[in-house]
Amino acid sequence: MGNKQSFLRKFEEFVFDKGLLKNGDKILVGYSGGADSTALLTALWQLKSHYKLNLLAVHINYNLRAEESQQDEEFVKQFCFHRNISLVVENCDLESSSGVENNAREIRFKFFRKVAKLYKMNKIALGHNRKDQAETILFRLFRGSGYTGLKGIEPQTGEIVHPLLPFSRSEITSYLKQQKISWREDSTNQQNTYTRNKLRNVLLPWLEENLNADIVNKLYQTANIFAETDQIMQQLAARSLNKATLHEKDDKLVLSIETLQKTLSALRYYLYRLAYQNFTGTDKDFYSSNFEEIEAVLDSEGSKQVDLPHDIVVLKEYDKLIFANKQILEYDNKDNSKDIDRIRNRSSFEDYRIIMKKLKKLPKTKYLYEDKYTAYLDLDKLEFPLKIRHRQPGDRFKPLGMHHSKKLKDFFIDEKVPKFERDKVVLFCDNKKIIWVCGYRIDDRLAITQNTDNILKIKLEKISRKKTRKAERIRKK
C-alpha cells in the first residue's frame, strides 16, 4: 500500500495543489493502454470520488500493428468496463510512412478536442512522464529551439494537462505492479525507425552510461529553469514592445527601429512573437526562421517586407517596422473617383464623410493647418467641378510653402509615407491641378492670403471601416 499512497500523494500535490485540475472537473483521458496512460487513468479513477471528477477515456486505434492494435483496443475496453469508466474508441487507418508520428498526433488531438466539445469535458489529460520531457528537450535542442522550446512539455497548455510529468518510468510501473494492474507494450517503441525512438533507445542510454547517470532528472530540472526564464522573457518583451510602439490603428502596429536596435536580440525574438500573437491570437506558428526573416528586414536598406503565417506582413518603412494584416496592404479602390459640381454641405467618398462650407473669414486658431484633415482654400482660385480620387502616374502639385511643383511620388518619399499607404491617400483636384493631398498638404496656389475674399473649408471625416481583427493594445504592466 505504501507505494500506492506515496504515488497518489505526489500525484495530488502536483495536479491539484498546482491547479492543473480542480474539484468537479470533467476530464477526457487519452488512453492507449500503455503503462503511462494506464497509471494516469487509474490514479484519476482512485481520486474520482474525493474530487468529484467526471472521467471519459478515449482510445484511438490507428491499425498500424494489425492484431496487436486489436489486442490493445480490447485491453482498453476491458479495463474501462471493470471500473465503470466511460470510453470512446475511434478506429482510423493510418498509413505507415515517414510522417506517421506527426499524422497520428494531428489525428489524436483533433479527435480529442472533438470529443471534449461533444461531451463538454473541460480538461484533456495526457500521460507524458519525466523521460518524455527529457526526450523532448533533446529533440528541440537539436532542432535549434530557443528558451520557449527548451522548456519542453508544459504541465498545462490551455485545456491540456500532463499530470505525470514529474514521475519517472520506474515510479509509474511500480505503482501499477503494486496493485497488480497490467498494461500493454507497443512493440514499435523498440524499433529505431522514428526519431523519438532513437533518442529513447540509443542516445539517452548512451548519455546515462557515458556522461551522467542522472541525465533524465537533470534535463527535467533544466526544463523547469527554461520555463521560468521563458516567463521572465515574456514579461520583459511586453514592456519592450510597449516602449517600441509608436502607434497602433487600422490593423497595423508601428514600431520604432531605433528602439528595437537598442533591444537585445534574444528579447527581440519574444517581442516579434508577441506582436504576431496580438494579430493572430496565437504564437504557435511563429518560429526562429520567422525571427531571422524579420531581423533581415530590420537590417536591410530601403523598404522591405516579409510574409508571416496567417496573412501577417512585416514591413520596413524608413525608420519604422510595421506589423500589419495583409488585407490592409491590398487596396482595390485606387481607381475610385467622385465628381462634386458645387459646394455641398455633406457628401461621401468611400469610408469618408466630406463636409464643405463657404467662409468669409478664417476661424480663430493658432495654426491654420493643425488639423491635417481640414483644408482652407481660396475659393476664387479653384474651378468646379472638383474631383476626388487617388494618385495616378505622373501626378504633380505645388506643396504649400514651395515655389515649384513636385512629383507626388517624390513628395510621398520626402514625407516618408509608407508605400502601402500611398494608394489610399485621398486627393482633391479641380479641372487643372491637385488642390489638396488630404492628410498632408494643400497646393500653394490655393493658399489663403490677405487678398482672399472667399474661403472654402473642406473637412474629411472617417465614418466607417471594414470589420477586421484589431491588434490588441499592449498595456504597461
Protein backbone atom coordinates (compact mmCIF):
# COMPACT_ATOMS: atom_id res chain seq x y z
CA MET A 1 0.00 0.00 0.00
CA GLY A 2 2.94 2.30 0.66
CA ASN A 3 3.89 2.75 -2.97
CA LYS A 4 0.30 3.39 -4.00
CA GLN A 5 -0.24 6.00 -1.29
CA SER A 6 3.06 7.80 -1.94
CA PHE A 7 2.32 7.84 -5.68
CA LEU A 8 -1.18 9.24 -5.16
CA ARG A 9 0.08 11.79 -2.62
CA LYS A 10 2.70 13.07 -5.09
CA PHE A 11 0.08 13.00 -7.86
CA GLU A 12 -2.35 15.08 -5.78
CA GLU A 13 0.31 17.60 -4.80
CA PHE A 14 1.37 18.16 -8.40
CA VAL A 15 -2.05 18.10 -10.02
CA PHE A 16 -4.41 19.70 -7.52
CA ASP A 17 -2.12 21.93 -5.47
CA LYS A 18 -0.71 23.46 -8.66
CA GLY A 19 -4.16 23.93 -10.15
CA LEU A 20 -3.88 21.60 -13.15
CA LEU A 21 -7.17 20.04 -12.04
CA LYS A 22 -9.83 21.05 -9.55
CA ASN A 23 -12.93 19.67 -7.87
CA GLY A 24 -15.68 18.77 -10.30
CA ASP A 25 -13.52 18.77 -13.44
CA LYS A 26 -14.73 16.80 -16.45
CA ILE A 27 -11.60 15.10 -17.73
CA LEU A 28 -11.01 13.40 -21.06
CA VAL A 29 -8.12 10.95 -20.62
CA GLY A 30 -6.11 9.90 -23.66
CA TYR A 31 -5.83 6.15 -23.10
CA SER A 32 -3.57 3.97 -25.26
CA GLY A 33 -3.37 1.06 -22.81
CA GLY A 34 0.34 1.64 -22.17
CA ALA A 35 1.83 1.96 -18.68
CA ASP A 36 1.73 5.77 -18.57
CA SER A 37 -1.87 6.26 -19.64
CA THR A 38 -2.98 3.26 -17.54
CA ALA A 39 -1.36 4.78 -14.43
CA LEU A 40 -2.89 8.17 -15.24
CA LEU A 41 -6.40 6.78 -15.67
CA THR A 42 -6.03 4.58 -12.57
CA ALA A 43 -4.89 7.49 -10.37
CA LEU A 44 -7.74 9.71 -11.55
CA TRP A 45 -10.22 6.86 -11.07
CA GLN A 46 -8.98 6.29 -7.50
CA LEU A 47 -9.36 10.01 -6.73
CA LYS A 48 -12.62 10.36 -8.62
CA SER A 49 -14.99 10.27 -5.65
CA HIS A 50 -12.90 12.52 -3.41
CA TYR A 51 -12.62 15.27 -6.04
CA LYS A 52 -15.99 14.62 -7.74
CA LEU A 53 -14.32 14.05 -11.10
CA ASN A 54 -16.14 13.05 -14.27
CA LEU A 55 -13.91 10.79 -16.39
CA LEU A 56 -14.09 9.86 -20.07
CA ALA A 57 -11.38 7.66 -21.60
CA VAL A 58 -10.65 7.97 -25.32
CA HIS A 59 -8.72 5.34 -27.27
CA ILE A 60 -7.60 5.74 -30.88
CA ASN A 61 -6.77 2.60 -32.84
CA TYR A 62 -4.54 3.56 -35.79
CA ASN A 63 -4.49 -0.05 -37.05
CA LEU A 64 -0.75 0.14 -37.64
CA ARG A 65 0.15 -3.13 -35.88
CA ALA A 66 -2.55 -5.49 -37.17
CA GLU A 67 -3.54 -7.98 -34.44
CA GLU A 68 -1.54 -6.15 -31.78
CA SER A 69 -3.62 -3.00 -32.34
CA GLN A 70 -6.82 -5.00 -31.90
CA GLN A 71 -5.48 -6.51 -28.67
CA ASP A 72 -4.70 -3.01 -27.38
CA GLU A 73 -8.26 -1.94 -28.10
CA GLU A 74 -9.73 -5.00 -26.37
CA PHE A 75 -7.50 -4.44 -23.32
CA VAL A 76 -8.67 -0.82 -23.06
CA LYS A 77 -12.32 -1.86 -23.32
CA GLN A 78 -11.97 -4.47 -20.58
CA PHE A 79 -10.02 -2.13 -18.29
CA CYS A 80 -12.70 0.57 -18.50
CA PHE A 81 -15.58 -1.91 -18.30
CA HIS A 82 -14.39 -3.39 -14.99
CA ARG A 83 -14.01 0.09 -13.46
CA ASN A 84 -17.19 1.56 -14.92
CA ILE A 85 -15.22 4.24 -16.81
CA SER A 86 -16.92 5.71 -19.88
CA LEU A 87 -14.96 5.00 -23.06
CA VAL A 88 -14.94 6.28 -26.64
CA VAL A 89 -12.99 4.30 -29.26
CA GLU A 90 -12.02 5.72 -32.64
CA ASN A 91 -10.74 3.49 -35.44
CA CYS A 92 -8.77 5.01 -38.29
CA ASP A 93 -6.44 3.72 -40.98
CA LEU A 94 -3.10 5.48 -40.78
CA GLU A 95 -0.63 4.51 -43.45
CA SER A 96 2.88 3.77 -42.25
CA SER A 97 5.16 6.48 -43.62
CA SER A 98 7.96 8.84 -42.66
CA GLY A 99 5.41 11.29 -41.28
CA VAL A 100 3.37 8.77 -39.33
CA GLU A 101 4.20 10.29 -35.91
CA ASN A 102 3.05 13.76 -36.90
CA ASN A 103 -0.02 12.42 -38.70
CA ALA A 104 -1.02 10.32 -35.69
CA ARG A 105 -0.53 13.29 -33.37
CA GLU A 106 -2.66 15.51 -35.58
CA ILE A 107 -5.46 12.93 -35.74
CA ARG A 108 -5.23 12.32 -32.00
CA PHE A 109 -5.55 15.95 -30.91
CA LYS A 110 -8.24 16.73 -33.44
CA PHE A 111 -10.34 13.82 -32.18
CA PHE A 112 -9.67 14.60 -28.51
CA ARG A 113 -10.91 18.17 -28.97
CA LYS A 114 -13.92 17.00 -30.96
CA VAL A 115 -14.97 14.53 -28.24
CA ALA A 116 -14.21 17.01 -25.44
CA LYS A 117 -16.51 19.55 -27.08
CA LEU A 118 -19.22 16.96 -27.74
CA TYR A 119 -19.26 15.68 -24.14
CA LYS A 120 -18.45 19.09 -22.59
CA MET A 121 -15.21 17.91 -20.97
CA ASN A 122 -13.14 20.87 -19.74
CA LYS A 123 -9.74 19.12 -19.45
CA ILE A 124 -7.73 16.72 -21.61
CA ALA A 125 -5.23 14.68 -19.58
CA LEU A 126 -2.24 13.01 -21.27
CA GLY A 127 0.30 10.59 -19.81
CA HIS A 128 3.70 12.12 -20.62
CA ASN A 129 6.28 11.44 -17.92
CA ARG A 130 9.71 12.72 -16.87
CA LYS A 131 11.54 10.71 -19.51
CA ASP A 132 9.24 12.06 -22.22
CA GLN A 133 10.22 15.51 -21.01
CA ALA A 134 13.93 14.65 -21.31
CA GLU A 135 13.41 13.33 -24.85
CA THR A 136 11.50 16.48 -25.79
CA ILE A 137 14.30 18.73 -24.50
CA LEU A 138 16.93 16.84 -26.52
CA PHE A 139 14.74 16.76 -29.61
CA ARG A 140 14.14 20.51 -29.51
CA LEU A 141 17.74 21.28 -28.61
CA PHE A 142 18.96 19.56 -31.76
CA ARG A 143 16.35 21.44 -33.80
CA GLY A 144 17.70 24.77 -32.55
CA SER A 145 14.86 25.81 -30.26
CA GLY A 146 15.11 28.87 -28.03
CA TYR A 147 14.02 29.32 -24.43
CA THR A 148 10.40 28.58 -25.32
CA GLY A 149 11.19 25.25 -26.95
CA LEU A 150 13.65 24.20 -24.27
CA LYS A 151 11.05 24.49 -21.53
CA GLY A 152 9.72 21.27 -23.03
CA ILE A 153 6.28 19.92 -22.26
CA GLU A 154 4.35 22.35 -20.09
CA PRO A 155 2.29 20.96 -17.19
CA GLN A 156 -0.72 22.77 -18.64
CA THR A 157 -1.40 24.37 -22.00
CA GLY A 158 -4.97 25.58 -22.24
CA GLU A 159 -7.26 22.63 -21.54
CA ILE A 160 -4.45 20.06 -21.94
CA VAL A 161 -2.74 18.84 -18.74
CA HIS A 162 0.16 16.45 -18.10
CA PRO A 163 -0.32 15.08 -14.56
CA LEU A 164 2.52 12.51 -14.77
CA LEU A 165 5.25 14.94 -15.83
CA PRO A 166 7.25 14.74 -12.54
CA PHE A 167 7.10 10.92 -12.42
CA SER A 168 9.82 8.55 -13.59
CA ARG A 169 9.00 5.44 -15.58
CA SER A 170 10.00 3.24 -12.62
CA GLU A 171 7.63 5.11 -10.28
CA ILE A 172 4.80 4.55 -12.75
CA THR A 173 5.41 0.84 -13.28
CA SER A 174 5.96 0.24 -9.54
CA TYR A 175 2.62 1.90 -8.83
CA LEU A 176 0.87 -0.42 -11.30
CA LYS A 177 2.69 -3.58 -10.21
CA GLN A 178 1.89 -2.95 -6.55
CA GLN A 179 -1.81 -3.05 -7.49
CA LYS A 180 -1.37 -5.98 -9.88
CA ILE A 181 -2.51 -3.86 -12.82
CA SER A 182 -1.16 -4.91 -16.20
CA TRP A 183 -0.60 -2.72 -19.25
CA ARG A 184 0.16 -3.03 -22.94
CA GLU A 185 3.59 -2.65 -24.54
CA ASP A 186 3.86 -1.15 -28.02
CA SER A 187 6.38 -3.31 -29.88
CA THR A 188 7.22 -0.44 -32.26
CA ASN A 189 8.70 1.50 -29.33
CA GLN A 190 11.74 -0.76 -29.61
CA GLN A 191 12.18 -0.04 -33.32
CA ASN A 192 14.54 2.81 -34.10
CA THR A 193 12.66 3.90 -37.19
CA TYR A 194 11.40 7.11 -35.62
CA THR A 195 13.49 9.97 -34.23
CA ARG A 196 11.82 9.72 -30.83
CA ASN A 197 12.73 6.06 -30.56
CA LYS A 198 16.36 6.78 -31.44
CA LEU A 199 16.51 9.35 -28.67
CA ARG A 200 14.86 6.95 -26.21
CA ASN A 201 16.65 3.74 -27.14
CA VAL A 202 20.06 4.93 -28.31
CA LEU A 203 21.03 8.45 -27.26
CA LEU A 204 19.61 8.64 -23.73
CA PRO A 205 21.09 5.26 -22.67
CA TRP A 206 24.47 6.35 -24.08
CA LEU A 207 24.29 9.65 -22.17
CA GLU A 208 23.36 7.83 -18.96
CA GLU A 209 26.24 5.39 -19.36
CA ASN A 210 28.96 7.76 -20.55
CA LEU A 211 28.13 11.26 -19.28
CA ASN A 212 25.62 11.39 -16.44
CA ALA A 213 23.63 8.53 -14.97
CA ASP A 214 21.08 11.09 -13.75
CA ILE A 215 20.66 12.76 -17.16
CA VAL A 216 16.86 12.38 -17.26
CA ASN A 217 16.42 14.21 -13.95
CA LYS A 218 18.93 16.88 -14.97
CA LEU A 219 17.08 17.53 -18.22
CA TYR A 220 13.79 17.67 -16.32
CA GLN A 221 15.26 20.28 -13.96
CA THR A 222 16.68 22.19 -16.93
CA ALA A 223 13.21 22.31 -18.49
CA ASN A 224 11.85 23.90 -15.31
CA ILE A 225 14.61 26.53 -15.38
CA PHE A 226 13.90 27.34 -19.02
CA ALA A 227 10.18 27.56 -18.25
CA GLU A 228 10.87 30.25 -15.64
CA THR A 229 13.30 32.01 -17.99
CA ASP A 230 10.70 31.96 -20.75
CA GLN A 231 8.14 33.53 -18.41
CA ILE A 232 10.56 36.32 -17.48
CA MET A 233 11.38 36.95 -21.15
CA GLN A 234 7.69 37.21 -22.00
CA GLN A 235 7.20 39.83 -19.29
CA LEU A 236 10.23 41.82 -20.49
CA ALA A 237 9.03 41.54 -24.09
CA ALA A 238 5.65 43.06 -23.20
CA ARG A 239 7.40 46.07 -21.67
CA SER A 240 9.82 46.38 -24.58
CA LEU A 241 7.02 46.16 -27.13
CA ASN A 242 5.12 48.88 -25.33
CA LYS A 243 8.25 51.05 -25.34
CA ALA A 244 8.92 50.46 -29.05
CA THR A 245 5.31 51.08 -30.15
CA LEU A 246 4.87 54.41 -31.93
CA HIS A 247 1.21 53.94 -32.77
CA GLU A 248 -1.34 51.27 -33.49
CA LYS A 249 -4.51 51.52 -35.53
CA ASP A 250 -6.28 50.12 -38.58
CA ASP A 251 -4.86 46.66 -38.06
CA LYS A 252 -1.26 47.73 -38.01
CA LEU A 253 1.36 48.11 -35.33
CA VAL A 254 4.16 50.61 -35.95
CA LEU A 255 7.42 50.12 -34.06
CA SER A 256 10.48 52.34 -33.73
CA ILE A 257 13.51 50.73 -35.38
CA GLU A 258 15.82 52.86 -33.25
CA THR A 259 14.25 51.42 -30.08
CA LEU A 260 14.31 47.89 -31.47
CA GLN A 261 18.01 48.14 -32.29
CA LYS A 262 18.71 49.04 -28.67
CA THR A 263 16.90 45.87 -27.55
CA LEU A 264 18.83 42.62 -27.07
CA SER A 265 18.43 40.18 -29.94
CA ALA A 266 17.09 37.40 -27.70
CA LEU A 267 14.43 39.76 -26.37
CA ARG A 268 13.52 40.93 -29.88
CA TYR A 269 12.52 37.34 -30.67
CA TYR A 270 9.93 37.46 -27.89
CA LEU A 271 8.90 40.98 -28.88
CA TYR A 272 8.21 39.99 -32.51
CA ARG A 273 6.38 36.87 -31.39
CA LEU A 274 4.19 38.89 -29.04
CA ALA A 275 3.38 41.39 -31.80
CA TYR A 276 2.49 38.47 -34.09
CA GLN A 277 0.36 36.90 -31.36
CA ASN A 278 -1.61 40.12 -30.88
CA PHE A 279 -2.76 39.90 -34.51
CA THR A 280 -3.37 36.15 -34.78
CA GLY A 281 -4.37 35.20 -31.24
CA THR A 282 -1.65 32.52 -31.11
CA ASP A 283 2.13 32.20 -31.23
CA LYS A 284 2.08 28.55 -32.32
CA ASP A 285 3.18 29.22 -35.90
CA PHE A 286 5.94 31.72 -35.11
CA TYR A 287 9.35 30.05 -35.45
CA SER A 288 13.01 31.03 -35.28
CA SER A 289 13.02 31.17 -39.10
CA ASN A 290 10.36 33.90 -38.93
CA PHE A 291 12.50 35.78 -36.43
CA GLU A 292 15.52 35.58 -38.74
CA GLU A 293 13.46 36.88 -41.67
CA ILE A 294 12.28 39.87 -39.63
CA GLU A 295 15.83 40.55 -38.47
CA ALA A 296 16.96 40.56 -42.11
CA VAL A 297 14.27 43.13 -42.89
CA LEU A 298 15.34 45.21 -39.89
CA ASP A 299 18.96 45.31 -41.11
CA SER A 300 18.13 45.88 -44.79
CA GLU A 301 18.46 49.08 -46.79
CA GLY A 302 15.30 50.72 -48.11
CA SER A 303 11.76 49.39 -47.87
CA LYS A 304 11.47 45.63 -47.42
CA GLN A 305 8.80 43.21 -46.27
CA VAL A 306 8.36 39.59 -45.18
CA ASP A 307 5.22 37.45 -45.10
CA LEU A 308 4.37 35.53 -41.92
CA PRO A 309 1.74 32.80 -41.40
CA HIS A 310 -1.93 33.80 -41.04
CA ASP A 311 -1.59 36.64 -43.58
CA ILE A 312 0.58 38.85 -41.38
CA VAL A 313 3.13 41.08 -43.09
CA VAL A 314 6.15 42.81 -41.54
CA LEU A 315 7.45 45.86 -43.43
CA LYS A 316 10.33 48.21 -43.01
CA GLU A 317 9.43 51.77 -43.97
CA TYR A 318 12.17 54.30 -43.29
CA ASP A 319 12.77 54.28 -39.50
CA LYS A 320 9.71 52.17 -38.71
CA LEU A 321 8.97 48.44 -38.56
CA ILE A 322 5.31 47.71 -39.24
CA PHE A 323 3.27 44.61 -38.42
CA ALA A 324 0.03 44.52 -40.40
CA ASN A 325 -2.72 42.28 -41.70
CA LYS A 326 -2.03 41.56 -45.35
CA GLN A 327 -5.51 42.67 -46.37
CA ILE A 328 -4.84 46.31 -45.48
CA LEU A 329 -1.94 46.31 -47.95
CA GLU A 330 -4.12 45.03 -50.77
CA TYR A 331 -6.05 48.16 -51.73
CA ASP A 332 -8.55 47.57 -54.53
CA ASN A 333 -10.15 51.04 -54.65
CA LYS A 334 -7.30 53.09 -56.11
CA ASP A 335 -9.30 53.73 -59.31
CA ASN A 336 -12.29 55.12 -57.42
CA SER A 337 -13.26 58.74 -58.07
CA LYS A 338 -16.13 61.14 -57.48
CA ASP A 339 -17.11 64.49 -59.01
CA ILE A 340 -18.56 67.35 -56.96
CA ASP A 341 -20.13 70.03 -59.16
CA ARG A 342 -20.68 72.65 -56.43
CA ILE A 343 -20.24 73.31 -52.74
CA ARG A 344 -22.17 70.61 -50.92
CA ASN A 345 -22.66 70.67 -47.17
CA ARG A 346 -22.27 66.92 -46.92
CA SER A 347 -21.26 64.17 -49.28
CA SER A 348 -19.23 60.98 -49.05
CA PHE A 349 -16.37 59.16 -50.72
CA GLU A 350 -15.52 55.57 -49.79
CA ASP A 351 -15.27 55.50 -45.98
CA TYR A 352 -15.14 59.27 -45.61
CA ARG A 353 -17.70 61.97 -44.94
CA ILE A 354 -16.94 65.22 -46.76
CA ILE A 355 -18.10 68.49 -45.22
CA MET A 356 -17.79 71.66 -47.32
CA LYS A 357 -18.54 75.19 -46.23
CA LYS A 358 -18.04 78.66 -47.70
CA LEU A 359 -16.50 81.17 -45.27
CA LYS A 360 -15.89 84.90 -45.37
CA LYS A 361 -13.20 84.88 -42.73
CA LEU A 362 -10.89 82.36 -41.16
CA PRO A 363 -11.65 80.78 -37.79
CA LYS A 364 -9.63 81.95 -34.82
CA THR A 365 -6.94 79.32 -34.49
CA LYS A 366 -3.30 79.40 -33.51
CA TYR A 367 -2.26 77.35 -36.52
CA LEU A 368 -4.50 77.19 -39.58
CA TYR A 369 -3.38 73.72 -40.66
CA GLU A 370 -3.19 71.96 -37.28
CA ASP A 371 -5.97 69.56 -38.33
CA LYS A 372 -4.43 67.67 -41.25
CA TYR A 373 -7.86 66.53 -42.44
CA THR A 374 -9.24 70.06 -42.70
CA ALA A 375 -8.24 72.39 -45.54
CA TYR A 376 -8.85 76.12 -46.05
CA LEU A 377 -8.61 77.09 -49.72
CA ASP A 378 -9.00 80.30 -51.70
CA LEU A 379 -12.37 79.60 -53.30
CA ASP A 380 -11.85 82.06 -56.15
CA LYS A 381 -8.69 80.27 -57.29
CA LEU A 382 -10.25 76.87 -57.92
CA GLU A 383 -12.60 75.67 -60.63
CA PHE A 384 -15.59 73.36 -60.21
CA PRO A 385 -16.33 70.55 -60.67
CA LEU A 386 -13.93 69.09 -58.12
CA LYS A 387 -12.77 65.51 -58.49
CA ILE A 388 -11.95 63.27 -55.54
CA ARG A 389 -9.61 60.42 -56.40
CA HIS A 390 -6.39 58.58 -55.54
CA ARG A 391 -2.95 59.04 -57.04
CA GLN A 392 -2.20 58.41 -60.70
CA PRO A 393 1.10 58.07 -62.58
CA GLY A 394 2.69 61.45 -63.28
CA ASP A 395 0.75 63.37 -60.61
CA ARG A 396 2.35 66.66 -59.59
CA PHE A 397 1.37 69.54 -57.33
CA LYS A 398 2.93 72.57 -55.67
CA PRO A 399 3.11 71.82 -51.94
CA LEU A 400 2.29 74.70 -49.61
CA GLY A 401 5.41 76.75 -48.94
CA MET A 402 7.27 75.66 -52.08
CA HIS A 403 7.99 77.78 -55.15
CA HIS A 404 7.92 74.98 -57.70
CA SER A 405 5.84 71.91 -58.45
CA LYS A 406 6.87 68.46 -57.34
CA LYS A 407 6.07 64.90 -58.32
CA LEU A 408 3.56 63.44 -55.89
CA LYS A 409 5.73 60.31 -55.68
CA ASP A 410 8.73 62.39 -54.56
CA PHE A 411 6.55 64.26 -52.08
CA PHE A 412 5.44 60.97 -50.52
CA ILE A 413 9.05 59.82 -50.28
CA ASP A 414 10.12 63.06 -48.61
CA GLU A 415 7.19 62.85 -46.20
CA LYS A 416 8.08 59.20 -45.50
CA VAL A 417 4.62 57.95 -46.40
CA PRO A 418 4.76 54.12 -46.36
CA LYS A 419 4.36 52.56 -49.79
CA PHE A 420 1.27 50.59 -48.81
CA GLU A 421 -0.43 53.83 -47.66
CA ARG A 422 0.17 55.87 -50.81
CA ASP A 423 -2.64 54.39 -52.91
CA LYS A 424 -5.10 55.12 -50.10
CA VAL A 425 -4.39 58.84 -49.80
CA VAL A 426 -7.38 60.92 -50.93
CA LEU A 427 -6.72 63.74 -53.41
CA PHE A 428 -8.95 66.74 -54.17
CA CYS A 429 -8.47 68.16 -57.67
CA ASP A 430 -10.06 70.84 -59.80
CA ASN A 431 -10.03 70.86 -63.60
CA LYS A 432 -6.34 71.74 -63.76
CA LYS A 433 -4.50 70.55 -60.68
CA ILE A 434 -4.36 68.76 -57.36
CA ILE A 435 -5.59 71.23 -54.76
CA TRP A 436 -5.22 69.12 -51.61
CA VAL A 437 -3.34 65.96 -50.68
CA CYS A 438 -5.55 65.00 -47.75
CA GLY A 439 -3.71 64.49 -44.51
CA TYR A 440 -0.54 66.16 -45.80
CA ARG A 441 -0.53 69.46 -47.74
CA ILE A 442 -2.67 71.82 -49.83
CA ASP A 443 -1.42 73.26 -53.11
CA ASP A 444 0.43 76.54 -52.54
CA ARG A 445 -1.55 78.24 -55.33
CA LEU A 446 -4.75 77.97 -53.28
CA ALA A 447 -3.29 79.21 -50.01
CA ILE A 448 -5.18 81.89 -48.10
CA THR A 449 -3.65 85.35 -48.47
CA GLN A 450 -4.57 88.86 -47.35
CA ASN A 451 -6.28 89.30 -50.72
CA THR A 452 -8.57 86.29 -50.28
CA ASP A 453 -12.26 87.21 -50.34
CA ASN A 454 -13.94 83.80 -50.26
CA ILE A 455 -12.75 80.72 -48.41
CA LEU A 456 -13.70 77.09 -48.98
CA LYS A 457 -13.41 74.88 -45.93
CA ILE A 458 -13.24 71.14 -46.63
CA LYS A 459 -13.22 68.62 -43.82
CA LEU A 460 -12.68 64.88 -44.24
CA GLU A 461 -14.05 62.53 -41.55
CA LYS A 462 -13.68 58.76 -41.31
CA ILE A 463 -17.15 57.27 -40.97
CA SER A 464 -16.59 53.52 -41.18
CA ARG A 465 -14.04 50.85 -41.90
CA LYS A 466 -14.06 47.18 -42.73
CA LYS A 467 -14.52 44.96 -39.73
CA THR A 468 -11.12 43.41 -39.32
CA ARG A 469 -9.34 41.98 -36.34
CA LYS A 470 -7.85 44.74 -34.24
CA ALA A 471 -4.41 44.13 -32.78
CA GLU A 472 -4.58 44.21 -29.02
CA ARG A 473 -3.03 47.26 -27.44
CA ILE A 474 -0.01 46.47 -25.35
CA ARG A 475 -0.51 47.93 -21.94
CA LYS A 476 2.15 48.72 -19.45
CA LYS A 477 2.16 46.34 -16.56
